[in-house]
Amino acid sequence: MDKIALALAIIGGLNWGSIGLFGFDLVAAIGGGQDSIFSRIIYVIVGLAALWCISLFFRDTVVREKK
C-alpha cells in the first residue's frame, strides 16, 4: 500500500510540475477537462495517496536484527 501511495503521490507531483512549468495538466488532458468526473476521481485518489504518505514520516522504518 505504501509503494502504491508513494507512486501516486509522485505522479501527482509530476503533474503539478508540468502545470507550473508548461501550463499543461496531464490529468485534465486525459480525463476530459478539470471538471469532468473522471479527472476529479483521479485528483481525489492522488490526494488520498498523498495523505497516506504523510504517515510515512511517523513510522519506525529501522529494521532490527533478530537475536
PDB file of N, CA and C in Angstrom:
ATOM      1  N   MET A   1       0.830  -1.191   0.000  1.00  0.00           N
ATOM      2  CA  MET A   1       0.000   0.000   0.000  1.00  0.00           C
ATOM      3  C   MET A   1       0.872   1.251   0.000  1.00  0.00           C
ATOM      4  N   ASP A   2       1.968   1.201   0.756  1.00  0.00           N
ATOM      5  CA  ASP A   2       2.847   2.362   0.832  1.00  0.00           C
ATOM      6  C   ASP A   2       3.453   2.701  -0.521  1.00  0.00           C
ATOM      7  N   LYS A   3       3.871   1.676  -1.245  1.00  0.00           N
ATOM      8  CA  LYS A   3       4.506   1.922  -2.542  1.00  0.00           C
ATOM      9  C   LYS A   3       3.502   2.452  -3.564  1.00  0.00           C
ATOM     10  N   ILE A   4       2.284   1.957  -3.520  1.00  0.00           N
ATOM     11  CA  ILE A   4       1.250   2.452  -4.422  1.00  0.00           C
ATOM     12  C   ILE A   4       0.953   3.921  -4.117  1.00  0.00           C
ATOM     13  N   ALA A   5       0.798   4.225  -2.833  1.00  0.00           N
ATOM     14  CA  ALA A   5       0.519   5.600  -2.435  1.00  0.00           C
ATOM     15  C   ALA A   5       1.675   6.521  -2.818  1.00  0.00           C
ATOM     16  N   LEU A   6       2.889   6.063  -2.618  1.00  0.00           N
ATOM     17  CA  LEU A   6       4.043   6.871  -2.970  1.00  0.00           C
ATOM     18  C   LEU A   6       4.115   7.104  -4.481  1.00  0.00           C
ATOM     19  N   ALA A   7       3.832   6.066  -5.260  1.00  0.00           N
ATOM     20  CA  ALA A   7       3.842   6.214  -6.720  1.00  0.00           C
ATOM     21  C   ALA A   7       2.778   7.214  -7.176  1.00  0.00           C
ATOM     22  N   LEU A   8       1.587   7.137  -6.594  1.00  0.00           N
ATOM     23  CA  LEU A   8       0.526   8.082  -6.954  1.00  0.00           C
ATOM     24  C   LEU A   8       0.875   9.507  -6.540  1.00  0.00           C
ATOM     25  N   ALA A   9       1.493   9.665  -5.374  1.00  0.00           N
ATOM     26  CA  ALA A   9       1.903  10.993  -4.934  1.00  0.00           C
ATOM     27  C   ALA A   9       2.986  11.567  -5.863  1.00  0.00           C
ATOM     28  N   ILE A  10       3.892  10.734  -6.315  1.00  0.00           N
ATOM     29  CA  ILE A  10       4.930  11.177  -7.252  1.00  0.00           C
ATOM     30  C   ILE A  10       4.289  11.582  -8.580  1.00  0.00           C
ATOM     31  N   ILE A  11       3.349  10.783  -9.063  1.00  0.00           N
ATOM     32  CA  ILE A  11       2.652  11.130 -10.301  1.00  0.00           C
ATOM     33  C   ILE A  11       1.932  12.469 -10.144  1.00  0.00           C
ATOM     34  N   GLY A  12       1.291  12.659  -9.007  1.00  0.00           N
ATOM     35  CA  GLY A  12       0.625  13.941  -8.746  1.00  0.00           C
ATOM     36  C   GLY A  12       1.607  15.100  -8.710  1.00  0.00           C
ATOM     37  N   GLY A  13       2.756  14.881  -8.103  1.00  0.00           N
ATOM     38  CA  GLY A  13       3.778  15.925  -8.061  1.00  0.00           C
ATOM     39  C   GLY A  13       4.311  16.256  -9.443  1.00  0.00           C
ATOM     40  N   LEU A  14       4.498  15.231 -10.261  1.00  0.00           N
ATOM     41  CA  LEU A  14       4.950  15.471 -11.630  1.00  0.00           C
ATOM     42  C   LEU A  14       3.889  16.221 -12.432  1.00  0.00           C
ATOM     43  N   ASN A  15       2.625  15.912 -12.187  1.00  0.00           N
ATOM     44  CA  ASN A  15       1.551  16.631 -12.862  1.00  0.00           C
ATOM     45  C   ASN A  15       1.560  18.106 -12.460  1.00  0.00           C
ATOM     46  N   TRP A  16       1.726  18.360 -11.160  1.00  0.00           N
ATOM     47  CA  TRP A  16       1.806  19.756 -10.708  1.00  0.00           C
ATOM     48  C   TRP A  16       3.025  20.457 -11.300  1.00  0.00           C
ATOM     49  N   GLY A  17       4.128  19.747 -11.425  1.00  0.00           N
ATOM     50  CA  GLY A  17       5.315  20.320 -12.055  1.00  0.00           C
ATOM     51  C   GLY A  17       5.067  20.686 -13.504  1.00  0.00           C
ATOM     52  N   SER A  18       4.348  19.819 -14.222  1.00  0.00           N
ATOM     53  CA  SER A  18       4.046  20.129 -15.626  1.00  0.00           C
ATOM     54  C   SER A  18       3.082  21.310 -15.737  1.00  0.00           C
ATOM     55  N   ILE A  19       2.192  21.459 -14.764  1.00  0.00           N
ATOM     56  CA  ILE A  19       1.304  22.620 -14.757  1.00  0.00           C
ATOM     57  C   ILE A  19       2.118  23.887 -14.520  1.00  0.00           C
ATOM     58  N   GLY A  20       3.027  23.838 -13.550  1.00  0.00           N
ATOM     59  CA  GLY A  20       3.830  25.011 -13.224  1.00  0.00           C
ATOM     60  C   GLY A  20       4.806  25.406 -14.320  1.00  0.00           C
ATOM     61  N   LEU A  21       5.440  24.418 -14.927  1.00  0.00           N
ATOM     62  CA  LEU A  21       6.455  24.717 -15.942  1.00  0.00           C
ATOM     63  C   LEU A  21       5.874  24.992 -17.326  1.00  0.00           C
ATOM     64  N   PHE A  22       4.869  24.199 -17.696  1.00  0.00           N
ATOM     65  CA  PHE A  22       4.387  24.252 -19.076  1.00  0.00           C
ATOM     66  C   PHE A  22       2.925  24.674 -19.208  1.00  0.00           C
ATOM     67  N   GLY A  23       2.232  24.807 -18.079  1.00  0.00           N
ATOM     68  CA  GLY A  23       0.817  25.128 -18.128  1.00  0.00           C
ATOM     69  C   GLY A  23      -0.020  23.986 -18.692  1.00  0.00           C
ATOM     70  N   PHE A  24       0.476  22.760 -18.551  1.00  0.00           N
ATOM     71  CA  PHE A  24      -0.198  21.582 -19.109  1.00  0.00           C
ATOM     72  C   PHE A  24      -0.600  20.638 -17.991  1.00  0.00           C
ATOM     73  N   ASP A  25      -1.882  20.370 -17.882  1.00  0.00           N
ATOM     74  CA  ASP A  25      -2.419  19.451 -16.873  1.00  0.00           C
ATOM     75  C   ASP A  25      -2.705  18.111 -17.552  1.00  0.00           C
ATOM     76  N   LEU A  26      -1.848  17.144 -17.322  1.00  0.00           N
ATOM     77  CA  LEU A  26      -1.970  15.839 -17.971  1.00  0.00           C
ATOM     78  C   LEU A  26      -3.257  15.124 -17.566  1.00  0.00           C
ATOM     79  N   VAL A  27      -3.624  15.209 -16.307  1.00  0.00           N
ATOM     80  CA  VAL A  27      -4.848  14.545 -15.847  1.00  0.00           C
ATOM     81  C   VAL A  27      -6.068  15.135 -16.550  1.00  0.00           C
ATOM     82  N   ALA A  28      -6.119  16.452 -16.655  1.00  0.00           N
ATOM     83  CA  ALA A  28      -7.239  17.096 -17.339  1.00  0.00           C
ATOM     84  C   ALA A  28      -7.246  16.737 -18.821  1.00  0.00           C
ATOM     85  N   ALA A  29      -6.068  16.642 -19.418  1.00  0.00           N
ATOM     86  CA  ALA A  29      -5.988  16.294 -20.840  1.00  0.00           C
ATOM     87  C   ALA A  29      -6.488  14.870 -21.082  1.00  0.00           C
ATOM     88  N   ILE A  30      -6.139  13.954 -20.189  1.00  0.00           N
ATOM     89  CA  ILE A  30      -6.563  12.560 -20.342  1.00  0.00           C
ATOM     90  C   ILE A  30      -8.037  12.398 -19.950  1.00  0.00           C
ATOM     91  N   GLY A  31      -8.435  13.108 -18.896  1.00  0.00           N
ATOM     92  CA  GLY A  31      -9.769  12.902 -18.337  1.00  0.00           C
ATOM     93  C   GLY A  31     -10.870  13.756 -18.921  1.00  0.00           C
ATOM     94  N   GLY A  32     -10.571  14.608 -19.882  1.00  0.00           N
ATOM     95  CA  GLY A  32     -11.625  15.402 -20.494  1.00  0.00           C
ATOM     96  C   GLY A  32     -11.873  16.736 -19.823  1.00  0.00           C
ATOM     97  N   GLY A  33     -10.863  17.305 -19.192  1.00  0.00           N
ATOM     98  CA  GLY A  33     -11.003  18.609 -18.526  1.00  0.00           C
ATOM     99  C   GLY A  33     -10.996  18.464 -17.019  1.00  0.00           C
ATOM    100  N   GLN A  34     -10.687  19.575 -16.354  1.00  0.00           N
ATOM    101  CA  GLN A  34     -10.576  19.537 -14.894  1.00  0.00           C
ATOM    102  C   GLN A  34     -11.900  19.252 -14.201  1.00  0.00           C
ATOM    103  N   ASP A  35     -13.007  19.618 -14.816  1.00  0.00           N
ATOM    104  CA  ASP A  35     -14.310  19.464 -14.168  1.00  0.00           C
ATOM    105  C   ASP A  35     -15.005  18.149 -14.475  1.00  0.00           C
ATOM    106  N   SER A  36     -14.395  17.310 -15.322  1.00  0.00           N
ATOM    107  CA  SER A  36     -15.042  16.026 -15.638  1.00  0.00           C
ATOM    108  C   SER A  36     -14.951  15.100 -14.427  1.00  0.00           C
ATOM    109  N   ILE A  37     -15.893  14.218 -14.314  1.00  0.00           N
ATOM    110  CA  ILE A  37     -15.948  13.313 -13.160  1.00  0.00           C
ATOM    111  C   ILE A  37     -14.733  12.400 -13.114  1.00  0.00           C
ATOM    112  N   PHE A  38     -14.248  11.952 -14.264  1.00  0.00           N
ATOM    113  CA  PHE A  38     -13.073  11.080 -14.307  1.00  0.00           C
ATOM    114  C   PHE A  38     -11.842  11.810 -13.752  1.00  0.00           C
ATOM    115  N   SER A  39     -11.624  13.044 -14.186  1.00  0.00           N
ATOM    116  CA  SER A  39     -10.481  13.814 -13.689  1.00  0.00           C
ATOM    117  C   SER A  39     -10.603  14.062 -12.195  1.00  0.00           C
ATOM    118  N   ARG A  40     -11.788  14.380 -11.750  1.00  0.00           N
ATOM    119  CA  ARG A  40     -11.989  14.644 -10.319  1.00  0.00           C
ATOM    120  C   ARG A  40     -11.708  13.403  -9.482  1.00  0.00           C
ATOM    121  N   ILE A  41     -12.078  12.235  -9.985  1.00  0.00           N
ATOM    122  CA  ILE A  41     -11.787  10.986  -9.275  1.00  0.00           C
ATOM    123  C   ILE A  41     -10.282  10.776  -9.183  1.00  0.00           C
ATOM    124  N   ILE A  42      -9.568  11.021 -10.280  1.00  0.00           N
ATOM    125  CA  ILE A  42      -8.109  10.891 -10.273  1.00  0.00           C
ATOM    126  C   ILE A  42      -7.490  11.860  -9.273  1.00  0.00           C
ATOM    127  N   TYR A  43      -7.954  13.117  -9.272  1.00  0.00           N
ATOM    128  CA  TYR A  43      -7.426  14.103  -8.317  1.00  0.00           C
ATOM    129  C   TYR A  43      -7.660  13.655  -6.876  1.00  0.00           C
ATOM    130  N   VAL A  44      -8.836  13.109  -6.585  1.00  0.00           N
ATOM    131  CA  VAL A  44      -9.145  12.655  -5.221  1.00  0.00           C
ATOM    132  C   VAL A  44      -8.264  11.465  -4.840  1.00  0.00           C
ATOM    133  N   ILE A  45      -8.075  10.519  -5.742  1.00  0.00           N
ATOM    134  CA  ILE A  45      -7.235   9.351  -5.446  1.00  0.00           C
ATOM    135  C   ILE A  45      -5.799   9.775  -5.175  1.00  0.00           C
ATOM    136  N   VAL A  46      -5.282  10.694  -5.982  1.00  0.00           N
ATOM    137  CA  VAL A  46      -3.910  11.177  -5.776  1.00  0.00           C
ATOM    138  C   VAL A  46      -3.815  11.946  -4.461  1.00  0.00           C
ATOM    139  N   GLY A  47      -4.831  12.725  -4.143  1.00  0.00           N
ATOM    140  CA  GLY A  47      -4.839  13.449  -2.872  1.00  0.00           C
ATOM    141  C   GLY A  47      -4.872  12.523  -1.672  1.00  0.00           C
ATOM    142  N   LEU A  48      -5.673  11.466  -1.752  1.00  0.00           N
ATOM    143  CA  LEU A  48      -5.715  10.482  -0.665  1.00  0.00           C
ATOM    144  C   LEU A  48      -4.382   9.753  -0.528  1.00  0.00           C
ATOM    145  N   ALA A  49      -3.742   9.487  -1.656  1.00  0.00           N
ATOM    146  CA  ALA A  49      -2.422   8.844  -1.613  1.00  0.00           C
ATOM    147  C   ALA A  49      -1.411   9.751  -0.924  1.00  0.00           C
ATOM    148  N   ALA A  50      -1.485  11.040  -1.205  1.00  0.00           N
ATOM    149  CA  ALA A  50      -0.571  11.986  -0.552  1.00  0.00           C
ATOM    150  C   ALA A  50      -0.824  12.032   0.957  1.00  0.00           C
ATOM    151  N   LEU A  51      -2.087  11.987   1.351  1.00  0.00           N
ATOM    152  CA  LEU A  51      -2.388  11.946   2.788  1.00  0.00           C
ATOM    153  C   LEU A  51      -1.833  10.687   3.427  1.00  0.00           C
ATOM    154  N   TRP A  52      -1.937   9.563   2.736  1.00  0.00           N
ATOM    155  CA  TRP A  52      -1.384   8.305   3.244  1.00  0.00           C
ATOM    156  C   TRP A  52       0.127   8.432   3.424  1.00  0.00           C
ATOM    157  N   CYS A  53       0.778   9.103   2.479  1.00  0.00           N
ATOM    158  CA  CYS A  53       2.242   9.245   2.532  1.00  0.00           C
ATOM    159  C   CYS A  53       2.702  10.089   3.723  1.00  0.00           C
ATOM    160  N   ILE A  54       1.836  10.924   4.254  1.00  0.00           N
ATOM    161  CA  ILE A  54       2.188  11.687   5.456  1.00  0.00           C
ATOM    162  C   ILE A  54       2.531  10.733   6.592  1.00  0.00           C
ATOM    163  N   SER A  55       1.831   9.603   6.654  1.00  0.00           N
ATOM    164  CA  SER A  55       2.085   8.638   7.724  1.00  0.00           C
ATOM    165  C   SER A  55       3.499   8.061   7.650  1.00  0.00           C
ATOM    166  N   LEU A  56       4.123   8.099   6.477  1.00  0.00           N
ATOM    167  CA  LEU A  56       5.482   7.574   6.336  1.00  0.00           C
ATOM    168  C   LEU A  56       6.478   8.351   7.202  1.00  0.00           C
ATOM    169  N   PHE A  57       6.193   9.622   7.465  1.00  0.00           N
ATOM    170  CA  PHE A  57       7.081  10.428   8.300  1.00  0.00           C
ATOM    171  C   PHE A  57       7.098   9.953   9.753  1.00  0.00           C
ATOM    172  N   PHE A  58       6.035   9.319  10.189  1.00  0.00           N
ATOM    173  CA  PHE A  58       5.884   8.990  11.602  1.00  0.00           C
ATOM    174  C   PHE A  58       6.084   7.507  11.905  1.00  0.00           C
ATOM    175  N   ARG A  59       6.543   6.753  10.951  1.00  0.00           N
ATOM    176  CA  ARG A  59       6.748   5.322  11.161  1.00  0.00           C
ATOM    177  C   ARG A  59       8.208   5.020  11.460  1.00  0.00           C
ATOM    178  N   ASP A  60       8.400   3.985  12.235  1.00  0.00           N
ATOM    179  CA  ASP A  60       9.746   3.494  12.520  1.00  0.00           C
ATOM    180  C   ASP A  60      10.148   2.585  11.370  1.00  0.00           C
ATOM    181  N   THR A  61      11.085   3.019  10.558  1.00  0.00           N
ATOM    182  CA  THR A  61      11.486   2.239   9.387  1.00  0.00           C
ATOM    183  C   THR A  61      12.802   1.515   9.583  1.00  0.00           C
ATOM    184  N   VAL A  62      13.337   1.532  10.783  1.00  0.00           N
ATOM    185  CA  VAL A  62      14.580   0.863  11.066  1.00  0.00           C
ATOM    186  C   VAL A  62      14.294  -0.638  11.210  1.00  0.00           C
ATOM    187  N   VAL A  63      15.013  -1.421  10.450  1.00  0.00           N
ATOM    188  CA  VAL A  63      14.869  -2.875  10.555  1.00  0.00           C
ATOM    189  C   VAL A  63      15.816  -3.369  11.625  1.00  0.00           C
ATOM    190  N   ARG A  64      15.228  -4.001  12.633  1.00  0.00           N
ATOM    191  CA  ARG A  64      16.052  -4.501  13.734  1.00  0.00           C
ATOM    192  C   ARG A  64      16.470  -5.938  13.449  1.00  0.00           C
ATOM    193  N   GLU A  65      17.688  -6.240  13.820  1.00  0.00           N
ATOM    194  CA  GLU A  65      18.225  -7.570  13.598  1.00  0.00           C
ATOM    195  C   GLU A  65      17.697  -8.503  14.681  1.00  0.00           C
ATOM    196  N   LYS A  66      17.250  -9.704  14.275  1.00  0.00           N
ATOM    197  CA  LYS A  66      16.734 -10.675  15.244  1.00  0.00           C
ATOM    198  C   LYS A  66      17.915 -11.361  15.931  1.00  0.00           C
ATOM    199  N   LYS A  67      17.749 -11.616  17.239  1.00  0.00           N
ATOM    200  CA  LYS A  67      18.822 -12.263  18.007  1.00  0.00           C
ATOM    201  C   LYS A  67      18.553 -13.716  18.158  1.00  0.00           C
TER     202      LYS A  67
END
